[in-house]
Amino acid sequence: MNRFPTLETERLILSQLEEKDIPFIVEYLQHRIYSDLTSNIPYPYTENDARFWLTISQEAFDEQIGYTFAIRNKEGQIIGAIGLHDREDDKAELGYWMAIPYWNKGYVTEAAKAIVDFGFKEMGLNKIFATHFPHNPASGKIMEKIGMEQEAVLRQHVKKDGEYHDLVMYAIFNHRD
């Protein structure tokens, strides 16, 4: 794939992250809760963090090992992000975040359904997996809503801020007939 794909759902546009998104990303991710609920979003979140994230997202696309989509409303405003990152053996990891004003509106579930479909149909994946901290059960609910099933609890799997944390892992398979 030479051009970054754009996916559309009923309420959303999933498209490439852009330079113009940086101020919004920085503003959204200022809240400590993103760091508390994810393994890879730092606190405080800076413009340099956002620029680095855009750079590595572009590199992953160029190397064909990952897709990070901006989640946009129909007006084109970024409201979150979602990605699939190839972990070889025809599997990829799903990750996402949504700006707080857009929580509990079903946007992540809607975007994740489109991304899972993209992963199976366009990337030819066999398995898509995702993880969440046990203290973030809302993320697990999203995983269940898109058809994922809990596979494991990975004990003390990540070290963040000097502490070891468990991760709950979910997965969905491309059941080919």
C-alpha atoms as a PDB file:
ATOM      1  CA  MET A   1       0.000   0.000   0.000  1.00  0.00           C
ATOM      2  CA  ASN A   2       1.618   3.215  -1.162  1.00  0.00           C
ATOM      3  CA  ARG A   3      -1.012   5.660   0.035  1.00  0.00           C
ATOM      4  CA  PHE A   4      -2.307   5.723   3.561  1.00  0.00           C
ATOM      5  CA  PRO A   5      -5.870   4.371   3.551  1.00  0.00           C
ATOM      6  CA  THR A   6      -8.908   6.324   4.692  1.00  0.00           C
ATOM      7  CA  LEU A   7     -11.768   4.380   6.247  1.00  0.00           C
ATOM      8  CA  GLU A   8     -15.268   5.699   6.834  1.00  0.00           C
ATOM      9  CA  THR A   9     -17.871   4.487   9.282  1.00  0.00           C
ATOM     10  CA  GLU A  10     -21.334   5.816   9.997  1.00  0.00           C
ATOM     11  CA  ARG A  11     -20.058   8.647  12.231  1.00  0.00           C
ATOM     12  CA  LEU A  12     -16.285   8.668  11.752  1.00  0.00           C
ATOM     13  CA  ILE A  13     -13.422   9.119   9.331  1.00  0.00           C
ATOM     14  CA  LEU A  14     -10.253   7.153  10.061  1.00  0.00           C
ATOM     15  CA  SER A  15      -7.305   8.744   8.306  1.00  0.00           C
ATOM     16  CA  GLN A  16      -3.615   9.487   8.551  1.00  0.00           C
ATOM     17  CA  LEU A  17      -2.315  11.601  11.416  1.00  0.00           C
ATOM     18  CA  GLU A  18      -1.269  15.059  10.266  1.00  0.00           C
ATOM     19  CA  GLU A  19       0.900  17.904  11.521  1.00  0.00           C
ATOM     20  CA  LYS A  20      -2.236  20.012  12.093  1.00  0.00           C
ATOM     21  CA  ASP A  21      -3.419  17.404  14.645  1.00  0.00           C
ATOM     22  CA  ILE A  22      -0.480  17.989  17.022  1.00  0.00           C
ATOM     23  CA  PRO A  23      -2.003  20.823  19.116  1.00  0.00           C
ATOM     24  CA  PHE A  24      -5.197  18.807  19.623  1.00  0.00           C
ATOM     25  CA  ILE A  25      -3.296  15.626  20.490  1.00  0.00           C
ATOM     26  CA  VAL A  26      -1.220  17.514  23.072  1.00  0.00           C
ATOM     27  CA  GLU A  27      -4.325  19.172  24.525  1.00  0.00           C
ATOM     28  CA  TYR A  28      -6.272  15.901  24.733  1.00  0.00           C
ATOM     29  CA  LEU A  29      -3.461  13.862  26.266  1.00  0.00           C
ATOM     30  CA  GLN A  30      -2.661  16.420  28.986  1.00  0.00           C
ATOM     31  CA  HIS A  31      -4.962  14.637  31.399  1.00  0.00           C
ATOM     32  CA  ARG A  32      -3.137  12.248  33.744  1.00  0.00           C
ATOM     33  CA  ILE A  33      -5.767   9.560  33.165  1.00  0.00           C
ATOM     34  CA  TYR A  34      -4.223   8.635  29.791  1.00  0.00           C
ATOM     35  CA  SER A  35      -0.927   7.806  31.431  1.00  0.00           C
ATOM     36  CA  ASP A  36      -2.717   5.986  34.248  1.00  0.00           C
ATOM     37  CA  LEU A  37      -4.795   3.837  31.867  1.00  0.00           C
ATOM     38  CA  THR A  38      -2.212   3.044  29.177  1.00  0.00           C
ATOM     39  CA  SER A  39       1.226   1.506  29.106  1.00  0.00           C
ATOM     40  CA  ASN A  40       2.720   3.901  26.565  1.00  0.00           C
ATOM     41  CA  ILE A  41       1.349   7.441  26.979  1.00  0.00           C
ATOM     42  CA  PRO A  42       3.656   9.564  29.158  1.00  0.00           C
ATOM     43  CA  TYR A  43       2.671  12.238  31.650  1.00  0.00           C
ATOM     44  CA  PRO A  44       3.026  15.095  31.228  1.00  0.00           C
ATOM     45  CA  TYR A  45       2.438  14.813  27.476  1.00  0.00           C
ATOM     46  CA  THR A  46       4.366  17.357  25.418  1.00  0.00           C
ATOM     47  CA  GLU A  47       4.467  18.633  21.858  1.00  0.00           C
ATOM     48  CA  ASN A  48       7.741  16.704  21.432  1.00  0.00           C
ATOM     49  CA  ASP A  49       5.911  13.507  22.452  1.00  0.00           C
ATOM     50  CA  ALA A  50       3.263  14.176  19.802  1.00  0.00           C
ATOM     51  CA  ARG A  51       5.854  14.951  17.112  1.00  0.00           C
ATOM     52  CA  PHE A  52       7.782  11.777  17.967  1.00  0.00           C
ATOM     53  CA  TRP A  53       4.550   9.748  17.822  1.00  0.00           C
ATOM     54  CA  LEU A  54       3.693  11.151  14.375  1.00  0.00           C
ATOM     55  CA  THR A  55       7.218  10.334  13.177  1.00  0.00           C
ATOM     56  CA  ILE A  56       7.188   6.727  14.401  1.00  0.00           C
ATOM     57  CA  SER A  57       3.647   6.262  13.060  1.00  0.00           C
ATOM     58  CA  GLN A  58       4.795   7.391   9.608  1.00  0.00           C
ATOM     59  CA  GLU A  59       7.871   5.154   9.794  1.00  0.00           C
ATOM     60  CA  ALA A  60       5.721   2.144  10.735  1.00  0.00           C
ATOM     61  CA  PHE A  61       3.481   2.818   7.706  1.00  0.00           C
ATOM     62  CA  ASP A  62       6.492   3.293   5.400  1.00  0.00           C
ATOM     63  CA  GLU A  63       7.950  -0.007   6.619  1.00  0.00           C
ATOM     64  CA  GLN A  64       4.514  -1.653   6.303  1.00  0.00           C
ATOM     65  CA  ILE A  65       4.488  -2.780   9.940  1.00  0.00           C
ATOM     66  CA  GLY A  66       1.749  -0.574  11.316  1.00  0.00           C
ATOM     67  CA  TYR A  67      -1.132   1.776  10.737  1.00  0.00           C
ATOM     68  CA  THR A  68      -2.031   4.548  13.145  1.00  0.00           C
ATOM     69  CA  PHE A  69      -5.264   6.264  12.205  1.00  0.00           C
ATOM     70  CA  ALA A  70      -6.612   9.533  13.509  1.00  0.00           C
ATOM     71  CA  ILE A  71     -10.217   9.032  14.591  1.00  0.00           C
ATOM     72  CA  ARG A  72     -12.056  12.054  13.198  1.00  0.00           C
ATOM     73  CA  ASN A  73     -15.622  13.247  13.315  1.00  0.00           C
ATOM     74  CA  LYS A  74     -17.326  13.876   9.969  1.00  0.00           C
ATOM     75  CA  GLU A  75     -16.089  17.487  10.090  1.00  0.00           C
ATOM     76  CA  GLY A  76     -12.508  16.154  10.023  1.00  0.00           C
ATOM     77  CA  GLN A  77     -11.588  17.104  13.616  1.00  0.00           C
ATOM     78  CA  ILE A  78      -9.362  14.575  15.410  1.00  0.00           C
ATOM     79  CA  ILE A  79     -11.072  13.117  18.484  1.00  0.00           C
ATOM     80  CA  GLY A  80      -8.806  10.140  19.148  1.00  0.00           C
ATOM     81  CA  ALA A  81      -6.535   7.584  17.512  1.00  0.00           C
ATOM     82  CA  ILE A  82      -6.465   3.875  16.791  1.00  0.00           C
ATOM     83  CA  GLY A  83      -3.816   1.617  15.372  1.00  0.00           C
ATOM     84  CA  LEU A  84      -2.810  -1.852  14.314  1.00  0.00           C
ATOM     85  CA  HIS A  85       0.839  -2.807  14.638  1.00  0.00           C
ATOM     86  CA  ASP A  86       2.202  -5.960  13.047  1.00  0.00           C
ATOM     87  CA  ARG A  87       3.817  -8.376  15.459  1.00  0.00           C
ATOM     88  CA  GLU A  88       4.762 -10.878  12.712  1.00  0.00           C
ATOM     89  CA  ASP A  89       3.253 -14.329  12.238  1.00  0.00           C
ATOM     90  CA  ASP A  90       0.149 -12.661  10.709  1.00  0.00           C
ATOM     91  CA  LYS A  91      -0.890 -11.040  13.960  1.00  0.00           C
ATOM     92  CA  ALA A  92      -1.135  -7.411  15.034  1.00  0.00           C
ATOM     93  CA  GLU A  93      -1.781  -5.456  18.205  1.00  0.00           C
ATOM     94  CA  LEU A  94      -4.722  -3.077  18.420  1.00  0.00           C
ATOM     95  CA  GLY A  95      -4.391   0.087  20.479  1.00  0.00           C
ATOM     96  CA  TYR A  96      -6.519   3.206  20.874  1.00  0.00           C
ATOM     97  CA  TRP A  97      -7.300   6.344  22.863  1.00  0.00           C
ATOM     98  CA  MET A  98     -10.226   8.749  22.735  1.00  0.00           C
ATOM     99  CA  ALA A  99     -10.448  12.367  23.908  1.00  0.00           C
ATOM    100  CA  ILE A 100     -12.410  12.614  27.166  1.00  0.00           C
ATOM    101  CA  PRO A 101     -15.310  14.700  25.730  1.00  0.00           C
ATOM    102  CA  TYR A 102     -16.023  11.794  23.351  1.00  0.00           C
ATOM    103  CA  TRP A 103     -15.980   8.958  25.891  1.00  0.00           C
ATOM    104  CA  ASN A 104     -19.042   6.700  26.299  1.00  0.00           C
ATOM    105  CA  LYS A 105     -20.467   7.500  22.876  1.00  0.00           C
ATOM    106  CA  GLY A 106     -19.442   4.265  21.131  1.00  0.00           C
ATOM    107  CA  TYR A 107     -16.810   5.926  18.926  1.00  0.00           C
ATOM    108  CA  VAL A 108     -13.940   3.611  19.868  1.00  0.00           C
ATOM    109  CA  THR A 109     -16.114   0.545  19.324  1.00  0.00           C
ATOM    110  CA  GLU A 110     -17.187   1.878  15.913  1.00  0.00           C
ATOM    111  CA  ALA A 111     -13.586   2.659  14.920  1.00  0.00           C
ATOM    112  CA  ALA A 112     -12.265  -0.655  16.266  1.00  0.00           C
ATOM    113  CA  LYS A 113     -14.789  -2.672  14.245  1.00  0.00           C
ATOM    114  CA  ALA A 114     -13.576  -0.913  11.082  1.00  0.00           C
ATOM    115  CA  ILE A 115      -9.919  -1.458  11.990  1.00  0.00           C
ATOM    116  CA  VAL A 116     -10.409  -5.163  12.732  1.00  0.00           C
ATOM    117  CA  ASP A 117     -12.159  -5.551   9.375  1.00  0.00           C
ATOM    118  CA  PHE A 118      -9.280  -3.691   7.695  1.00  0.00           C
ATOM    119  CA  GLY A 119      -6.726  -5.903   9.454  1.00  0.00           C
ATOM    120  CA  PHE A 120      -8.340  -9.117   8.305  1.00  0.00           C
ATOM    121  CA  LYS A 121      -9.303  -8.053   4.761  1.00  0.00           C
ATOM    122  CA  GLU A 122      -6.485  -5.683   3.773  1.00  0.00           C
ATOM    123  CA  MET A 123      -3.557  -6.808   5.907  1.00  0.00           C
ATOM    124  CA  GLY A 124      -4.363 -10.519   5.725  1.00  0.00           C
ATOM    125  CA  LEU A 125      -4.006 -10.973   9.478  1.00  0.00           C
ATOM    126  CA  ASN A 126      -4.956 -14.152  11.271  1.00  0.00           C
ATOM    127  CA  LYS A 127      -5.087 -12.703  14.788  1.00  0.00           C
ATOM    128  CA  ILE A 128      -5.624  -9.273  16.291  1.00  0.00           C
ATOM    129  CA  PHE A 129      -4.937  -8.833  19.986  1.00  0.00           C
ATOM    130  CA  ALA A 130      -5.150  -6.025  22.504  1.00  0.00           C
ATOM    131  CA  THR A 131      -4.299  -5.520  26.146  1.00  0.00           C
ATOM    132  CA  HIS A 132      -5.548  -3.351  28.975  1.00  0.00           C
ATOM    133  CA  PHE A 133      -4.676  -2.731  32.595  1.00  0.00           C
ATOM    134  CA  PRO A 134      -7.018  -4.519  35.024  1.00  0.00           C
ATOM    135  CA  HIS A 135      -7.939  -1.113  36.489  1.00  0.00           C
ATOM    136  CA  ASN A 136      -9.314  -0.076  33.053  1.00  0.00           C
ATOM    137  CA  PRO A 137     -12.238  -2.482  32.561  1.00  0.00           C
ATOM    138  CA  ALA A 138     -13.946  -0.076  30.123  1.00  0.00           C
ATOM    139  CA  SER A 139     -11.273  -0.921  27.580  1.00  0.00           C
ATOM    140  CA  GLY A 140     -11.988  -4.622  28.046  1.00  0.00           C
ATOM    141  CA  LYS A 141     -15.686  -3.940  27.398  1.00  0.00           C
ATOM    142  CA  ILE A 142     -14.775  -2.346  24.053  1.00  0.00           C
ATOM    143  CA  MET A 143     -12.714  -5.418  23.182  1.00  0.00           C
ATOM    144  CA  GLU A 144     -15.652  -7.681  23.986  1.00  0.00           C
ATOM    145  CA  LYS A 145     -18.054  -5.518  21.933  1.00  0.00           C
ATOM    146  CA  ILE A 146     -15.920  -6.011  18.818  1.00  0.00           C
ATOM    147  CA  GLY A 147     -15.868  -9.779  19.242  1.00  0.00           C
ATOM    148  CA  MET A 148     -12.613 -10.271  21.118  1.00  0.00           C
ATOM    149  CA  GLU A 149     -12.350 -12.862  23.863  1.00  0.00           C
ATOM    150  CA  GLN A 150     -10.096 -12.760  26.884  1.00  0.00           C
ATOM    151  CA  GLU A 151      -7.084 -14.997  26.360  1.00  0.00           C
ATOM    152  CA  ALA A 152      -4.864 -14.383  29.353  1.00  0.00           C
ATOM    153  CA  VAL A 153      -3.755 -12.232  32.218  1.00  0.00           C
ATOM    154  CA  LEU A 154      -0.108 -11.388  31.653  1.00  0.00           C
ATOM    155  CA  ARG A 155       1.298 -11.087  35.165  1.00  0.00           C
ATOM    156  CA  GLN A 156       3.658  -8.170  35.866  1.00  0.00           C
ATOM    157  CA  HIS A 157       4.035  -7.785  32.092  1.00  0.00           C
ATOM    158  CA  VAL A 158       4.944  -4.088  31.920  1.00  0.00           C
ATOM    159  CA  LYS A 159       7.010  -1.809  34.085  1.00  0.00           C
ATOM    160  CA  LYS A 160       5.708   1.735  34.285  1.00  0.00           C
ATOM    161  CA  ASP A 161       6.788   4.461  36.668  1.00  0.00           C
ATOM    162  CA  GLY A 162       8.908   1.949  38.559  1.00  0.00           C
ATOM    163  CA  GLU A 163       6.044  -0.498  39.179  1.00  0.00           C
ATOM    164  CA  TYR A 164       5.144  -3.786  37.502  1.00  0.00           C
ATOM    165  CA  HIS A 165       1.635  -4.098  36.118  1.00  0.00           C
ATOM    166  CA  ASP A 166      -0.506  -6.965  34.898  1.00  0.00           C
ATOM    167  CA  LEU A 167      -2.150  -6.767  31.491  1.00  0.00           C
ATOM    168  CA  VAL A 168      -5.364  -8.471  30.427  1.00  0.00           C
ATOM    169  CA  MET A 169      -5.065  -9.773  26.864  1.00  0.00           C
ATOM    170  CA  TYR A 170      -7.926 -10.193  24.421  1.00  0.00           C
ATOM    171  CA  ALA A 171      -7.880 -11.555  20.863  1.00  0.00           C
ATOM    172  CA  ILE A 172     -10.019 -12.129  17.800  1.00  0.00           C
ATOM    173  CA  PHE A 173      -9.243 -14.462  14.916  1.00  0.00           C
ATOM    174  CA  ASN A 174      -9.940 -14.242  11.211  1.00  0.00           C
ATOM    175  CA  HIS A 175     -12.159 -17.277  10.840  1.00  0.00           C
ATOM    176  CA  ARG A 176     -11.898 -18.161   7.194  1.00  0.00           C
ATOM    177  CA  ASP A 177     -14.451 -20.504   5.703  1.00  0.00           C
END
